[in-house]
Amino acid sequence: MKKLVILNFILFVLASCASNQVSYEKLKTKVYNNKFDFLVSGYDGRTTFSTPAGTGRILTSNVPTSSLEHVGISVTNDKFIINLPLNEKESRGNRSSIELTSLDFTVARTDQDNGSILLNYFLNDQKDINLVKMEVSKNGKIDCSLEGPNQKPLLYVGSIDDN
């Protein structure tokens, strides 16, 4: 009997942990409706990012320019808000020095065979950062890069907010 109670408790805990992740259907709805938050869990200090050819993943990226409510990117139908660290030191301190809001942006989305969604946000009203690339995996993990003219690469990892 005790073994059954312990087993049920373990299954309950595992189910509770699994339910904290955003479901794939909910994730797709958020991404396609432009209503989600990308929460940064780390700054990726590499200057290049390579994957096998043909996977559709982000290859490289480039960037420039306190703190808002969270460190990451908020996307709504009419606003694209960036609040990101410029380097690893800022990332560890949960600070950010790249802060901007775009009110004129377009998005291109591509569904991959593996269930990932590739997003390219073109920021039409920004001079320093004009492209934000994201790969959203089925489990809500996001690889993100920012690009702008004459900027060094900045890569970020994190996840989609599950609220």
C-alpha atoms as a PDB file:
ATOM      1  CA  MET A   1       0.000   0.000   0.000  1.00  0.00           C
ATOM      2  CA  LYS A   2       2.815   2.413   0.899  1.00  0.00           C
ATOM      3  CA  LYS A   3       4.484   1.724  -2.444  1.00  0.00           C
ATOM      4  CA  LEU A   4       1.258   2.603  -4.249  1.00  0.00           C
ATOM      5  CA  VAL A   5       0.896   5.860  -2.306  1.00  0.00           C
ATOM      6  CA  ILE A   6       4.520   6.791  -3.036  1.00  0.00           C
ATOM      7  CA  LEU A   7       4.089   5.907  -6.707  1.00  0.00           C
ATOM      8  CA  ASN A   8       0.915   8.021  -6.954  1.00  0.00           C
ATOM      9  CA  PHE A   9       2.703  10.928  -5.267  1.00  0.00           C
ATOM     10  CA  ILE A  10       5.624  10.688  -7.702  1.00  0.00           C
ATOM     11  CA  LEU A  11       3.246  10.566 -10.682  1.00  0.00           C
ATOM     12  CA  PHE A  12       1.346  13.576  -9.311  1.00  0.00           C
ATOM     13  CA  VAL A  13       4.580  15.570  -8.933  1.00  0.00           C
ATOM     14  CA  LEU A  14       5.724  14.637 -12.435  1.00  0.00           C
ATOM     15  CA  ALA A  15       2.336  15.564 -13.902  1.00  0.00           C
ATOM     16  CA  SER A  16       2.422  18.891 -12.066  1.00  0.00           C
ATOM     17  CA  CYS A  17       5.870  19.671 -13.428  1.00  0.00           C
ATOM     18  CA  ALA A  18       4.831  18.719 -16.941  1.00  0.00           C
ATOM     19  CA  SER A  19       1.753  20.925 -16.756  1.00  0.00           C
ATOM     20  CA  ASN A  20       3.964  23.965 -16.049  1.00  0.00           C
ATOM     21  CA  GLN A  21       5.230  23.802 -19.621  1.00  0.00           C
ATOM     22  CA  VAL A  22       3.191  25.478 -22.319  1.00  0.00           C
ATOM     23  CA  SER A  23       1.352  23.006 -24.564  1.00  0.00           C
ATOM     24  CA  TYR A  24       2.316  22.904 -28.228  1.00  0.00           C
ATOM     25  CA  GLU A  25      -1.147  24.078 -29.320  1.00  0.00           C
ATOM     26  CA  LYS A  26      -1.048  27.017 -26.898  1.00  0.00           C
ATOM     27  CA  LEU A  27       2.516  27.826 -27.996  1.00  0.00           C
ATOM     28  CA  LYS A  28       1.512  27.882 -31.685  1.00  0.00           C
ATOM     29  CA  THR A  29      -1.506  30.074 -30.921  1.00  0.00           C
ATOM     30  CA  LYS A  30       0.656  32.571 -29.028  1.00  0.00           C
ATOM     31  CA  VAL A  31       3.292  32.691 -31.787  1.00  0.00           C
ATOM     32  CA  TYR A  32       0.813  33.033 -34.654  1.00  0.00           C
ATOM     33  CA  ASN A  33      -1.252  35.655 -32.801  1.00  0.00           C
ATOM     34  CA  ASN A  34       1.858  37.731 -31.929  1.00  0.00           C
ATOM     35  CA  LYS A  35       1.012  37.595 -28.219  1.00  0.00           C
ATOM     36  CA  PHE A  36       3.932  36.162 -26.265  1.00  0.00           C
ATOM     37  CA  ASP A  37       6.925  36.969 -24.087  1.00  0.00           C
ATOM     38  CA  PHE A  38      10.402  35.559 -24.685  1.00  0.00           C
ATOM     39  CA  LEU A  39      12.080  35.260 -21.286  1.00  0.00           C
ATOM     40  CA  VAL A  40      15.865  35.182 -21.522  1.00  0.00           C
ATOM     41  CA  SER A  41      17.636  32.597 -19.422  1.00  0.00           C
ATOM     42  CA  GLY A  42      21.094  33.298 -20.802  1.00  0.00           C
ATOM     43  CA  TYR A  43      23.309  35.266 -23.098  1.00  0.00           C
ATOM     44  CA  ASP A  44      25.189  33.123 -25.571  1.00  0.00           C
ATOM     45  CA  GLY A  45      28.676  34.606 -25.911  1.00  0.00           C
ATOM     46  CA  ARG A  46      29.625  32.751 -29.058  1.00  0.00           C
ATOM     47  CA  THR A  47      30.362  34.892 -32.078  1.00  0.00           C
ATOM     48  CA  THR A  48      29.004  32.274 -34.476  1.00  0.00           C
ATOM     49  CA  PHE A  49      26.314  29.648 -34.289  1.00  0.00           C
ATOM     50  CA  SER A  50      26.435  26.690 -36.682  1.00  0.00           C
ATOM     51  CA  THR A  51      24.158  23.747 -37.327  1.00  0.00           C
ATOM     52  CA  PRO A  52      24.035  21.213 -40.134  1.00  0.00           C
ATOM     53  CA  ALA A  53      22.999  22.698 -43.483  1.00  0.00           C
ATOM     54  CA  GLY A  54      19.325  22.474 -44.305  1.00  0.00           C
ATOM     55  CA  THR A  55      18.005  22.423 -40.739  1.00  0.00           C
ATOM     56  CA  GLY A  56      16.640  25.956 -41.045  1.00  0.00           C
ATOM     57  CA  ARG A  57      18.172  26.978 -37.722  1.00  0.00           C
ATOM     58  CA  ILE A  58      19.698  30.380 -37.047  1.00  0.00           C
ATOM     59  CA  LEU A  59      23.228  30.527 -38.452  1.00  0.00           C
ATOM     60  CA  THR A  60      24.750  33.831 -37.302  1.00  0.00           C
ATOM     61  CA  SER A  61      23.615  37.224 -36.119  1.00  0.00           C
ATOM     62  CA  ASN A  62      24.662  40.893 -35.457  1.00  0.00           C
ATOM     63  CA  VAL A  63      23.506  44.082 -32.831  1.00  0.00           C
ATOM     64  CA  PRO A  64      23.861  47.581 -30.728  1.00  0.00           C
ATOM     65  CA  THR A  65      21.809  49.924 -27.960  1.00  0.00           C
ATOM     66  CA  SER A  66      16.630  51.225 -16.204  1.00  0.00           C
ATOM     67  CA  SER A  67      15.262  47.704 -16.907  1.00  0.00           C
ATOM     68  CA  LEU A  68      11.644  47.022 -17.812  1.00  0.00           C
ATOM     69  CA  GLU A  69       9.526  44.390 -16.062  1.00  0.00           C
ATOM     70  CA  HIS A  70      11.467  41.422 -17.415  1.00  0.00           C
ATOM     71  CA  VAL A  71      14.558  40.685 -19.433  1.00  0.00           C
ATOM     72  CA  GLY A  72      13.530  39.446 -22.851  1.00  0.00           C
ATOM     73  CA  ILE A  73      11.213  40.369 -25.701  1.00  0.00           C
ATOM     74  CA  SER A  74       7.478  41.092 -25.543  1.00  0.00           C
ATOM     75  CA  VAL A  75       5.440  40.725 -28.707  1.00  0.00           C
ATOM     76  CA  THR A  76       1.909  42.023 -29.156  1.00  0.00           C
ATOM     77  CA  ASN A  77      -0.089  42.847 -32.278  1.00  0.00           C
ATOM     78  CA  ASP A  78       1.078  46.473 -32.269  1.00  0.00           C
ATOM     79  CA  LYS A  79       4.345  46.505 -30.249  1.00  0.00           C
ATOM     80  CA  PHE A  80       7.668  44.680 -30.300  1.00  0.00           C
ATOM     81  CA  ILE A  81       9.539  45.493 -27.075  1.00  0.00           C
ATOM     82  CA  ILE A  82      13.189  44.490 -26.606  1.00  0.00           C
ATOM     83  CA  ASN A  83      14.811  44.546 -23.159  1.00  0.00           C
ATOM     84  CA  LEU A  84      18.024  42.486 -23.382  1.00  0.00           C
ATOM     85  CA  PRO A  85      21.497  42.361 -21.830  1.00  0.00           C
ATOM     86  CA  LEU A  86      24.434  43.459 -23.947  1.00  0.00           C
ATOM     87  CA  ASN A  87      26.884  40.914 -22.482  1.00  0.00           C
ATOM     88  CA  GLU A  88      27.258  37.988 -20.066  1.00  0.00           C
ATOM     89  CA  LYS A  89      27.926  40.255 -17.060  1.00  0.00           C
ATOM     90  CA  GLU A  90      24.604  42.068 -17.541  1.00  0.00           C
ATOM     91  CA  SER A  91      22.856  38.731 -18.080  1.00  0.00           C
ATOM     92  CA  ARG A  92      24.101  37.405 -14.715  1.00  0.00           C
ATOM     93  CA  GLY A  93      22.988  40.634 -13.017  1.00  0.00           C
ATOM     94  CA  ASN A  94      19.548  40.521 -14.683  1.00  0.00           C
ATOM     95  CA  ARG A  95      20.208  43.954 -16.221  1.00  0.00           C
ATOM     96  CA  SER A  96      19.754  45.160 -19.758  1.00  0.00           C
ATOM     97  CA  SER A  97      21.111  47.954 -21.891  1.00  0.00           C
ATOM     98  CA  ILE A  98      19.390  47.082 -25.167  1.00  0.00           C
ATOM     99  CA  GLU A  99      15.968  48.644 -24.749  1.00  0.00           C
ATOM    100  CA  LEU A 100      13.717  49.654 -27.635  1.00  0.00           C
ATOM    101  CA  THR A 101      10.134  49.522 -28.820  1.00  0.00           C
ATOM    102  CA  SER A 102       9.095  49.007 -32.425  1.00  0.00           C
ATOM    103  CA  LEU A 103       5.620  50.042 -33.504  1.00  0.00           C
ATOM    104  CA  ASP A 104       6.205  49.220 -37.190  1.00  0.00           C
ATOM    105  CA  PHE A 105       7.241  45.602 -37.692  1.00  0.00           C
ATOM    106  CA  THR A 106       6.432  42.670 -39.940  1.00  0.00           C
ATOM    107  CA  VAL A 107       6.906  38.962 -39.315  1.00  0.00           C
ATOM    108  CA  ALA A 108       7.672  35.944 -41.474  1.00  0.00           C
ATOM    109  CA  ARG A 109       6.903  32.523 -39.961  1.00  0.00           C
ATOM    110  CA  THR A 110       7.943  29.069 -41.131  1.00  0.00           C
ATOM    111  CA  ASP A 111       6.853  25.744 -39.624  1.00  0.00           C
ATOM    112  CA  GLN A 112       9.635  23.166 -39.631  1.00  0.00           C
ATOM    113  CA  ASP A 113       9.193  19.405 -40.010  1.00  0.00           C
ATOM    114  CA  ASN A 114      10.464  18.874 -36.451  1.00  0.00           C
ATOM    115  CA  GLY A 115       7.674  21.091 -35.030  1.00  0.00           C
ATOM    116  CA  SER A 116       9.847  24.177 -34.509  1.00  0.00           C
ATOM    117  CA  ILE A 117       8.645  27.554 -35.731  1.00  0.00           C
ATOM    118  CA  LEU A 118      11.108  29.982 -37.304  1.00  0.00           C
ATOM    119  CA  LEU A 119      10.288  33.669 -36.870  1.00  0.00           C
ATOM    120  CA  ASN A 120      11.881  36.657 -38.558  1.00  0.00           C
ATOM    121  CA  TYR A 121      10.720  39.998 -37.179  1.00  0.00           C
ATOM    122  CA  PHE A 122      11.628  42.945 -39.415  1.00  0.00           C
ATOM    123  CA  LEU A 123      11.702  46.167 -37.367  1.00  0.00           C
ATOM    124  CA  ASN A 124      10.908  48.841 -39.949  1.00  0.00           C
ATOM    125  CA  ASP A 125      11.176  51.835 -37.613  1.00  0.00           C
ATOM    126  CA  GLN A 126      14.527  50.965 -35.968  1.00  0.00           C
ATOM    127  CA  LYS A 127      17.965  51.960 -37.215  1.00  0.00           C
ATOM    128  CA  ASP A 128      20.312  49.943 -34.973  1.00  0.00           C
ATOM    129  CA  ILE A 129      18.403  46.654 -34.854  1.00  0.00           C
ATOM    130  CA  ASN A 130      16.416  45.759 -37.934  1.00  0.00           C
ATOM    131  CA  LEU A 131      15.933  41.973 -37.687  1.00  0.00           C
ATOM    132  CA  VAL A 132      15.149  39.623 -34.803  1.00  0.00           C
ATOM    133  CA  LYS A 133      15.342  35.899 -35.560  1.00  0.00           C
ATOM    134  CA  MET A 134      13.793  33.286 -33.284  1.00  0.00           C
ATOM    135  CA  GLU A 135      13.530  29.537 -33.414  1.00  0.00           C
ATOM    136  CA  VAL A 136      10.748  28.358 -31.126  1.00  0.00           C
ATOM    137  CA  SER A 137      10.969  24.638 -30.358  1.00  0.00           C
ATOM    138  CA  LYS A 138       7.960  22.455 -29.550  1.00  0.00           C
ATOM    139  CA  ASN A 139       8.728  22.580 -25.822  1.00  0.00           C
ATOM    140  CA  GLY A 140       8.840  26.415 -25.745  1.00  0.00           C
ATOM    141  CA  LYS A 141      12.631  26.827 -25.793  1.00  0.00           C
ATOM    142  CA  ILE A 142      13.756  29.767 -27.934  1.00  0.00           C
ATOM    143  CA  ASP A 143      17.068  30.524 -29.641  1.00  0.00           C
ATOM    144  CA  CYS A 144      17.139  34.195 -30.561  1.00  0.00           C
ATOM    145  CA  SER A 145      19.483  36.502 -32.448  1.00  0.00           C
ATOM    146  CA  LEU A 146      19.390  40.220 -33.143  1.00  0.00           C
ATOM    147  CA  GLU A 147      20.809  41.804 -36.273  1.00  0.00           C
ATOM    148  CA  GLY A 148      21.664  45.331 -37.258  1.00  0.00           C
ATOM    149  CA  PRO A 149      24.118  47.103 -39.501  1.00  0.00           C
ATOM    150  CA  ASN A 150      27.738  47.126 -38.264  1.00  0.00           C
ATOM    151  CA  GLN A 151      26.986  45.225 -35.056  1.00  0.00           C
ATOM    152  CA  LYS A 152      28.740  42.271 -33.437  1.00  0.00           C
ATOM    153  CA  PRO A 153      26.713  39.039 -33.042  1.00  0.00           C
ATOM    154  CA  LEU A 154      24.500  38.615 -29.973  1.00  0.00           C
ATOM    155  CA  LEU A 155      22.688  35.342 -29.332  1.00  0.00           C
ATOM    156  CA  TYR A 156      20.207  34.594 -26.557  1.00  0.00           C
ATOM    157  CA  VAL A 157      18.526  31.482 -25.201  1.00  0.00           C
ATOM    158  CA  GLY A 158      15.375  31.267 -23.160  1.00  0.00           C
ATOM    159  CA  SER A 159      11.779  30.169 -23.311  1.00  0.00           C
ATOM    160  CA  ILE A 160       8.303  31.381 -24.070  1.00  0.00           C
ATOM    161  CA  ASP A 161       6.353  32.605 -21.063  1.00  0.00           C
ATOM    162  CA  ASP A 162       3.797  29.944 -20.119  1.00  0.00           C
ATOM    163  CA  ASN A 163       1.147  32.376 -18.863  1.00  0.00           C
END
